[in-house]
């Protein structure tokens, strides 16, 4: 019995990059913007100007001005910051329509300078050093809570525009995670009259001594003859 082996150059062989599993689609790669052409760049000043422009537009509820800060083929990737869906909006025109129809719940942005890595810096976008731009992290507040994000800026025709913008909601107002300074205290040291330990306070919570329980009643309505 003879065995036939197909070579990589066999015209009847489908290359792995061209194969498509049922129900899936091939995602085209993004097109990188041109590299920054300016010889003297102040990343802090450029990032601050962009954030100031975004905040001014948010204050005036001017969603069109927000979209104008993006490249024609820019991206806004959002995880629950703009809506209760995960979405990627590509292109200034689509972003303009989305913000006009849905508004922008963000209220204020602030550059995150907690570390040198998160601060505005000039770096490579493509991994090879051929496309350079500015990247920085930021924090934001919105009408429903607070979150974080990262932005990449590209220079086009002497102006800095947003190439990619990512936002993610981290907490909902009124339901913040009890960590860090919000963490509940354990033992209360010192002289305090009628002080209670954690177990005593927890028992009072379970027994609802100082508050009413939150109750949701789920039932089924069945019409009777008196309803007709």
C-alpha atoms as a PDB file:
ATOM      1  CA  UNK A   1       0.000   0.000   0.000  1.00  0.00           C
ATOM      2  CA  UNK A   2       1.419   3.355  -1.000  1.00  0.00           C
ATOM      3  CA  UNK A   3       1.048   6.460   1.147  1.00  0.00           C
ATOM      4  CA  UNK A   4       0.662   9.887  -0.410  1.00  0.00           C
ATOM      5  CA  UNK A   5       2.049  12.860   1.509  1.00  0.00           C
ATOM      6  CA  UNK A   6       0.993  16.416   0.708  1.00  0.00           C
ATOM      7  CA  UNK A   7       3.704  19.022   0.807  1.00  0.00           C
ATOM      8  CA  UNK A   8       3.276  22.605   2.028  1.00  0.00           C
ATOM      9  CA  UNK A   9       3.406  23.708  -1.608  1.00  0.00           C
ATOM     10  CA  UNK A  10       0.603  21.371  -2.693  1.00  0.00           C
ATOM     11  CA  UNK A  11      -2.126  23.588  -4.225  1.00  0.00           C
ATOM     12  CA  UNK A  12      -4.775  21.271  -2.779  1.00  0.00           C
ATOM     13  CA  UNK A  13      -3.658  21.905   0.802  1.00  0.00           C
ATOM     14  CA  UNK A  14      -5.360  24.639   2.848  1.00  0.00           C
ATOM     15  CA  UNK A  15      -2.891  26.538   5.003  1.00  0.00           C
ATOM     16  CA  UNK A  16      -3.686  26.780   8.710  1.00  0.00           C
ATOM     17  CA  UNK A  17      -3.969  30.555   8.558  1.00  0.00           C
ATOM     18  CA  UNK A  18      -6.740  30.208   5.956  1.00  0.00           C
ATOM     19  CA  UNK A  19      -8.725  27.545   7.792  1.00  0.00           C
ATOM     20  CA  UNK A  20     -11.886  28.577   9.579  1.00  0.00           C
ATOM     21  CA  UNK A  21     -13.645  26.557  12.257  1.00  0.00           C
ATOM     22  CA  UNK A  22     -17.462  26.359  11.957  1.00  0.00           C
ATOM     23  CA  UNK A  23     -19.034  29.389  13.609  1.00  0.00           C
ATOM     24  CA  UNK A  24     -15.800  31.375  13.773  1.00  0.00           C
ATOM     25  CA  UNK A  25     -14.466  34.248  11.696  1.00  0.00           C
ATOM     26  CA  UNK A  26     -11.029  35.466  10.787  1.00  0.00           C
ATOM     27  CA  UNK A  27     -10.275  38.739  12.542  1.00  0.00           C
ATOM     28  CA  UNK A  28      -8.290  41.118  10.328  1.00  0.00           C
ATOM     29  CA  UNK A  29      -5.242  42.740  11.859  1.00  0.00           C
ATOM     30  CA  UNK A  30      -5.408  46.441  12.589  1.00  0.00           C
ATOM     31  CA  UNK A  31      -3.471  48.888  10.484  1.00  0.00           C
ATOM     32  CA  UNK A  32      -0.812  50.698  12.468  1.00  0.00           C
ATOM     33  CA  UNK A  33      -0.762  54.497  12.307  1.00  0.00           C
ATOM     34  CA  UNK A  34       2.297  56.354  11.113  1.00  0.00           C
ATOM     35  CA  UNK A  35       5.086  56.784  13.609  1.00  0.00           C
ATOM     36  CA  UNK A  36       5.507  60.086  15.440  1.00  0.00           C
ATOM     37  CA  UNK A  37       7.497  62.546  13.339  1.00  0.00           C
ATOM     38  CA  UNK A  38       8.229  65.260  15.905  1.00  0.00           C
ATOM     39  CA  UNK A  39      11.803  65.271  17.171  1.00  0.00           C
ATOM     40  CA  UNK A  40      11.000  66.905  20.510  1.00  0.00           C
ATOM     41  CA  UNK A  41       8.055  65.321  22.330  1.00  0.00           C
ATOM     42  CA  UNK A  42       6.834  65.976  25.876  1.00  0.00           C
ATOM     43  CA  UNK A  43       4.588  62.973  26.675  1.00  0.00           C
ATOM     44  CA  UNK A  44       3.252  64.569  29.879  1.00  0.00           C
ATOM     45  CA  UNK A  45       2.183  67.756  28.102  1.00  0.00           C
ATOM     46  CA  UNK A  46       0.602  65.901  25.175  1.00  0.00           C
ATOM     47  CA  UNK A  47      -1.334  63.517  27.434  1.00  0.00           C
ATOM     48  CA  UNK A  48      -2.463  66.365  29.701  1.00  0.00           C
ATOM     49  CA  UNK A  49      -3.820  68.295  26.708  1.00  0.00           C
ATOM     50  CA  UNK A  50      -5.828  65.294  25.496  1.00  0.00           C
ATOM     51  CA  UNK A  51      -7.274  64.610  28.948  1.00  0.00           C
ATOM     52  CA  UNK A  52      -8.137  68.290  29.430  1.00  0.00           C
ATOM     53  CA  UNK A  53      -9.973  68.259  26.099  1.00  0.00           C
ATOM     54  CA  UNK A  54     -11.900  65.115  27.051  1.00  0.00           C
ATOM     55  CA  UNK A  55     -12.864  66.561  30.441  1.00  0.00           C
ATOM     56  CA  UNK A  56     -13.994  69.839  28.869  1.00  0.00           C
ATOM     57  CA  UNK A  57     -16.184  67.927  26.414  1.00  0.00           C
ATOM     58  CA  UNK A  58     -17.631  65.788  29.218  1.00  0.00           C
ATOM     59  CA  UNK A  59     -18.427  68.865  31.290  1.00  0.00           C
ATOM     60  CA  UNK A  60     -20.269  70.445  28.365  1.00  0.00           C
ATOM     61  CA  UNK A  61     -21.906  67.148  27.325  1.00  0.00           C
ATOM     62  CA  UNK A  62     -20.272  67.601  23.924  1.00  0.00           C
ATOM     63  CA  UNK A  63     -19.931  64.049  22.636  1.00  0.00           C
ATOM     64  CA  UNK A  64     -19.000  65.208  19.136  1.00  0.00           C
ATOM     65  CA  UNK A  65     -15.862  66.895  20.462  1.00  0.00           C
ATOM     66  CA  UNK A  66     -14.865  63.647  22.187  1.00  0.00           C
ATOM     67  CA  UNK A  67     -15.052  61.768  18.885  1.00  0.00           C
ATOM     68  CA  UNK A  68     -13.016  64.494  17.170  1.00  0.00           C
ATOM     69  CA  UNK A  69     -10.071  63.628  19.437  1.00  0.00           C
ATOM     70  CA  UNK A  70      -9.793  60.193  17.759  1.00  0.00           C
ATOM     71  CA  UNK A  71      -8.061  59.190  14.561  1.00  0.00           C
ATOM     72  CA  UNK A  72     -10.352  58.406  11.642  1.00  0.00           C
ATOM     73  CA  UNK A  73      -9.575  54.715  12.206  1.00  0.00           C
ATOM     74  CA  UNK A  74      -9.187  54.893  15.991  1.00  0.00           C
ATOM     75  CA  UNK A  75     -10.624  52.406  18.485  1.00  0.00           C
ATOM     76  CA  UNK A  76     -12.537  52.670  21.754  1.00  0.00           C
ATOM     77  CA  UNK A  77     -12.626  49.337  23.583  1.00  0.00           C
ATOM     78  CA  UNK A  78     -14.995  49.393  26.549  1.00  0.00           C
ATOM     79  CA  UNK A  79     -15.793  47.002  29.389  1.00  0.00           C
ATOM     80  CA  UNK A  80     -18.960  48.347  31.071  1.00  0.00           C
ATOM     81  CA  UNK A  81     -17.719  51.938  31.215  1.00  0.00           C
ATOM     82  CA  UNK A  82     -20.005  53.224  28.452  1.00  0.00           C
ATOM     83  CA  UNK A  83     -22.821  50.683  28.735  1.00  0.00           C
ATOM     84  CA  UNK A  84     -23.653  47.298  30.235  1.00  0.00           C
ATOM     85  CA  UNK A  85     -22.124  45.540  27.234  1.00  0.00           C
ATOM     86  CA  UNK A  86     -18.574  44.749  26.159  1.00  0.00           C
ATOM     87  CA  UNK A  87     -17.943  46.522  22.883  1.00  0.00           C
ATOM     88  CA  UNK A  88     -15.287  47.800  20.508  1.00  0.00           C
ATOM     89  CA  UNK A  89     -16.101  50.869  18.457  1.00  0.00           C
ATOM     90  CA  UNK A  90     -13.882  51.307  15.418  1.00  0.00           C
ATOM     91  CA  UNK A  91     -13.681  54.564  13.523  1.00  0.00           C
ATOM     92  CA  UNK A  92     -14.520  58.141  14.366  1.00  0.00           C
ATOM     93  CA  UNK A  93     -17.807  58.066  12.441  1.00  0.00           C
ATOM     94  CA  UNK A  94     -19.169  55.052  14.348  1.00  0.00           C
ATOM     95  CA  UNK A  95     -17.988  56.539  17.630  1.00  0.00           C
ATOM     96  CA  UNK A  96     -19.732  59.822  16.828  1.00  0.00           C
ATOM     97  CA  UNK A  97     -23.014  58.012  16.152  1.00  0.00           C
ATOM     98  CA  UNK A  98     -22.743  55.815  19.237  1.00  0.00           C
ATOM     99  CA  UNK A  99     -22.073  58.717  21.602  1.00  0.00           C
ATOM    100  CA  UNK A 100     -24.812  60.809  19.974  1.00  0.00           C
ATOM    101  CA  UNK A 101     -27.347  58.000  20.441  1.00  0.00           C
ATOM    102  CA  UNK A 102     -26.263  56.798  23.880  1.00  0.00           C
ATOM    103  CA  UNK A 103     -24.392  59.691  25.480  1.00  0.00           C
ATOM    104  CA  UNK A 104     -21.232  59.298  27.539  1.00  0.00           C
ATOM    105  CA  UNK A 105     -21.634  58.396  31.238  1.00  0.00           C
ATOM    106  CA  UNK A 106     -18.028  59.284  32.042  1.00  0.00           C
ATOM    107  CA  UNK A 107     -17.728  62.440  34.153  1.00  0.00           C
ATOM    108  CA  UNK A 108     -13.999  63.012  34.648  1.00  0.00           C
ATOM    109  CA  UNK A 109     -10.635  61.540  33.655  1.00  0.00           C
ATOM    110  CA  UNK A 110      -7.336  61.842  35.514  1.00  0.00           C
ATOM    111  CA  UNK A 111      -3.896  60.666  34.379  1.00  0.00           C
ATOM    112  CA  UNK A 112      -2.498  57.858  36.533  1.00  0.00           C
ATOM    113  CA  UNK A 113       1.084  58.626  37.577  1.00  0.00           C
ATOM    114  CA  UNK A 114       1.326  56.014  40.328  1.00  0.00           C
ATOM    115  CA  UNK A 115       4.342  54.433  38.600  1.00  0.00           C
ATOM    116  CA  UNK A 116       6.689  55.352  35.778  1.00  0.00           C
ATOM    117  CA  UNK A 117       5.160  52.605  33.633  1.00  0.00           C
ATOM    118  CA  UNK A 118       1.637  54.004  34.025  1.00  0.00           C
ATOM    119  CA  UNK A 119       2.712  57.612  33.451  1.00  0.00           C
ATOM    120  CA  UNK A 120       2.760  59.126  29.943  1.00  0.00           C
ATOM    121  CA  UNK A 121       5.733  57.853  27.964  1.00  0.00           C
ATOM    122  CA  UNK A 122       6.950  57.598  24.404  1.00  0.00           C
ATOM    123  CA  UNK A 123       7.123  53.993  23.277  1.00  0.00           C
ATOM    124  CA  UNK A 124       6.676  51.467  20.506  1.00  0.00           C
ATOM    125  CA  UNK A 125       3.215  50.264  19.487  1.00  0.00           C
ATOM    126  CA  UNK A 126       4.158  47.487  17.072  1.00  0.00           C
ATOM    127  CA  UNK A 127       6.860  45.735  19.101  1.00  0.00           C
ATOM    128  CA  UNK A 128       9.549  46.356  16.485  1.00  0.00           C
ATOM    129  CA  UNK A 129      10.077  50.059  17.111  1.00  0.00           C
ATOM    130  CA  UNK A 130       8.787  51.149  13.705  1.00  0.00           C
ATOM    131  CA  UNK A 131       5.649  52.834  15.076  1.00  0.00           C
ATOM    132  CA  UNK A 132       6.163  55.142  18.038  1.00  0.00           C
ATOM    133  CA  UNK A 133       3.556  57.025  20.017  1.00  0.00           C
ATOM    134  CA  UNK A 134       2.497  57.996  23.529  1.00  0.00           C
ATOM    135  CA  UNK A 135       0.897  55.621  26.004  1.00  0.00           C
ATOM    136  CA  UNK A 136      -0.499  56.343  29.469  1.00  0.00           C
ATOM    137  CA  UNK A 137      -2.962  54.990  32.014  1.00  0.00           C
ATOM    138  CA  UNK A 138      -5.802  56.964  33.564  1.00  0.00           C
ATOM    139  CA  UNK A 139      -8.546  56.734  36.162  1.00  0.00           C
ATOM    140  CA  UNK A 140     -12.101  57.876  35.542  1.00  0.00           C
ATOM    141  CA  UNK A 141     -15.348  58.490  37.351  1.00  0.00           C
ATOM    142  CA  UNK A 142     -18.753  58.013  35.794  1.00  0.00           C
ATOM    143  CA  UNK A 143     -22.414  58.382  36.643  1.00  0.00           C
ATOM    144  CA  UNK A 144     -22.471  54.807  37.953  1.00  0.00           C
ATOM    145  CA  UNK A 145     -19.037  54.324  39.488  1.00  0.00           C
ATOM    146  CA  UNK A 146     -15.311  54.499  38.801  1.00  0.00           C
ATOM    147  CA  UNK A 147     -12.805  52.714  36.616  1.00  0.00           C
ATOM    148  CA  UNK A 148      -9.468  52.682  34.875  1.00  0.00           C
ATOM    149  CA  UNK A 149      -8.202  52.875  31.338  1.00  0.00           C
ATOM    150  CA  UNK A 150      -5.239  53.142  29.014  1.00  0.00           C
ATOM    151  CA  UNK A 151      -4.782  55.362  25.982  1.00  0.00           C
ATOM    152  CA  UNK A 152      -2.420  55.348  23.029  1.00  0.00           C
ATOM    153  CA  UNK A 153      -1.863  58.536  21.080  1.00  0.00           C
ATOM    154  CA  UNK A 154      -0.539  58.801  17.540  1.00  0.00           C
ATOM    155  CA  UNK A 155       0.681  61.883  15.691  1.00  0.00           C
ATOM    156  CA  UNK A 156      -0.935  62.707  12.374  1.00  0.00           C
ATOM    157  CA  UNK A 157      -0.322  65.883  10.398  1.00  0.00           C
ATOM    158  CA  UNK A 158       1.388  67.461  13.395  1.00  0.00           C
ATOM    159  CA  UNK A 159      -1.539  66.786  15.754  1.00  0.00           C
ATOM    160  CA  UNK A 160      -1.832  64.162  18.460  1.00  0.00           C
ATOM    161  CA  UNK A 161      -4.956  62.016  18.261  1.00  0.00           C
ATOM    162  CA  UNK A 162      -6.268  58.991  20.152  1.00  0.00           C
ATOM    163  CA  UNK A 163      -5.409  55.750  18.366  1.00  0.00           C
ATOM    164  CA  UNK A 164      -6.733  53.314  20.995  1.00  0.00           C
ATOM    165  CA  UNK A 165      -8.762  54.053  24.117  1.00  0.00           C
ATOM    166  CA  UNK A 166      -9.662  51.370  26.654  1.00  0.00           C
ATOM    167  CA  UNK A 167     -12.029  51.853  29.602  1.00  0.00           C
ATOM    168  CA  UNK A 168     -13.173  49.356  32.208  1.00  0.00           C
ATOM    169  CA  UNK A 169     -15.547  49.882  35.125  1.00  0.00           C
ATOM    170  CA  UNK A 170     -13.947  48.699  38.390  1.00  0.00           C
ATOM    171  CA  UNK A 171     -16.587  49.548  40.986  1.00  0.00           C
ATOM    172  CA  UNK A 172     -20.190  50.738  41.252  1.00  0.00           C
ATOM    173  CA  UNK A 173     -20.974  53.778  43.403  1.00  0.00           C
ATOM    174  CA  UNK A 174     -22.486  52.744  46.714  1.00  0.00           C
ATOM    175  CA  UNK A 175     -21.255  49.167  46.319  1.00  0.00           C
ATOM    176  CA  UNK A 176     -17.493  49.644  46.536  1.00  0.00           C
ATOM    177  CA  UNK A 177     -15.415  46.657  47.588  1.00  0.00           C
ATOM    178  CA  UNK A 178     -14.430  46.763  51.264  1.00  0.00           C
ATOM    179  CA  UNK A 179     -10.679  46.794  50.755  1.00  0.00           C
ATOM    180  CA  UNK A 180      -7.886  49.143  51.789  1.00  0.00           C
ATOM    181  CA  UNK A 181      -9.212  52.149  53.726  1.00  0.00           C
ATOM    182  CA  UNK A 182     -12.789  50.805  53.351  1.00  0.00           C
ATOM    183  CA  UNK A 183     -11.933  47.561  55.113  1.00  0.00           C
ATOM    184  CA  UNK A 184     -14.069  47.099  58.261  1.00  0.00           C
ATOM    185  CA  UNK A 185     -12.217  47.390  61.538  1.00  0.00           C
ATOM    186  CA  UNK A 186     -11.748  44.310  63.672  1.00  0.00           C
ATOM    187  CA  UNK A 187     -10.830  44.760  67.322  1.00  0.00           C
ATOM    188  CA  UNK A 188     -11.423  48.247  68.766  1.00  0.00           C
ATOM    189  CA  UNK A 189      -8.479  48.878  71.051  1.00  0.00           C
ATOM    190  CA  UNK A 190      -8.415  51.444  73.848  1.00  0.00           C
ATOM    191  CA  UNK A 191     -10.942  52.516  76.436  1.00  0.00           C
ATOM    192  CA  UNK A 192     -14.358  52.569  74.798  1.00  0.00           C
ATOM    193  CA  UNK A 193     -17.550  52.131  76.755  1.00  0.00           C
ATOM    194  CA  UNK A 194     -19.772  49.284  75.543  1.00  0.00           C
ATOM    195  CA  UNK A 195     -17.352  48.340  72.793  1.00  0.00           C
ATOM    196  CA  UNK A 196     -18.126  45.160  70.858  1.00  0.00           C
ATOM    197  CA  UNK A 197     -15.896  42.631  69.190  1.00  0.00           C
ATOM    198  CA  UNK A 198     -16.300  41.377  65.636  1.00  0.00           C
ATOM    199  CA  UNK A 199     -18.417  38.366  66.626  1.00  0.00           C
ATOM    200  CA  UNK A 200     -20.863  40.523  68.584  1.00  0.00           C
ATOM    201  CA  UNK A 201     -21.226  42.987  65.717  1.00  0.00           C
ATOM    202  CA  UNK A 202     -21.675  40.138  63.252  1.00  0.00           C
ATOM    203  CA  UNK A 203     -24.394  38.569  65.418  1.00  0.00           C
ATOM    204  CA  UNK A 204     -26.280  41.882  65.467  1.00  0.00           C
ATOM    205  CA  UNK A 205     -26.046  42.062  61.680  1.00  0.00           C
ATOM    206  CA  UNK A 206     -27.507  38.568  61.339  1.00  0.00           C
ATOM    207  CA  UNK A 207     -30.327  39.382  63.767  1.00  0.00           C
ATOM    208  CA  UNK A 208     -31.065  42.730  62.005  1.00  0.00           C
ATOM    209  CA  UNK A 209     -31.165  44.624  65.309  1.00  0.00           C
ATOM    210  CA  UNK A 210     -30.520  48.056  63.816  1.00  0.00           C
ATOM    211  CA  UNK A 211     -31.827  47.618  60.263  1.00  0.00           C
ATOM    212  CA  UNK A 212     -34.513  45.909  58.227  1.00  0.00           C
ATOM    213  CA  UNK A 213     -33.654  43.029  55.904  1.00  0.00           C
ATOM    214  CA  UNK A 214     -33.844  43.536  52.160  1.00  0.00           C
ATOM    215  CA  UNK A 215     -36.546  41.209  50.851  1.00  0.00           C
ATOM    216  CA  UNK A 216     -37.619  40.400  47.296  1.00  0.00           C
ATOM    217  CA  UNK A 217     -40.930  38.565  46.914  1.00  0.00           C
ATOM    218  CA  UNK A 218     -41.170  36.316  43.866  1.00  0.00           C
ATOM    219  CA  UNK A 219     -44.603  34.961  43.006  1.00  0.00           C
ATOM    220  CA  UNK A 220     -46.868  33.954  40.169  1.00  0.00           C
ATOM    221  CA  UNK A 221     -50.104  35.744  39.392  1.00  0.00           C
ATOM    222  CA  UNK A 222     -53.010  33.478  38.539  1.00  0.00           C
ATOM    223  CA  UNK A 223     -56.131  35.171  37.178  1.00  0.00           C
ATOM    224  CA  UNK A 224     -59.469  34.173  38.650  1.00  0.00           C
ATOM    225  CA  UNK A 225     -63.036  34.534  37.473  1.00  0.00           C
ATOM    226  CA  UNK A 226     -63.287  37.845  39.324  1.00  0.00           C
ATOM    227  CA  UNK A 227     -60.621  39.300  37.001  1.00  0.00           C
ATOM    228  CA  UNK A 228     -62.886  38.937  33.962  1.00  0.00           C
END
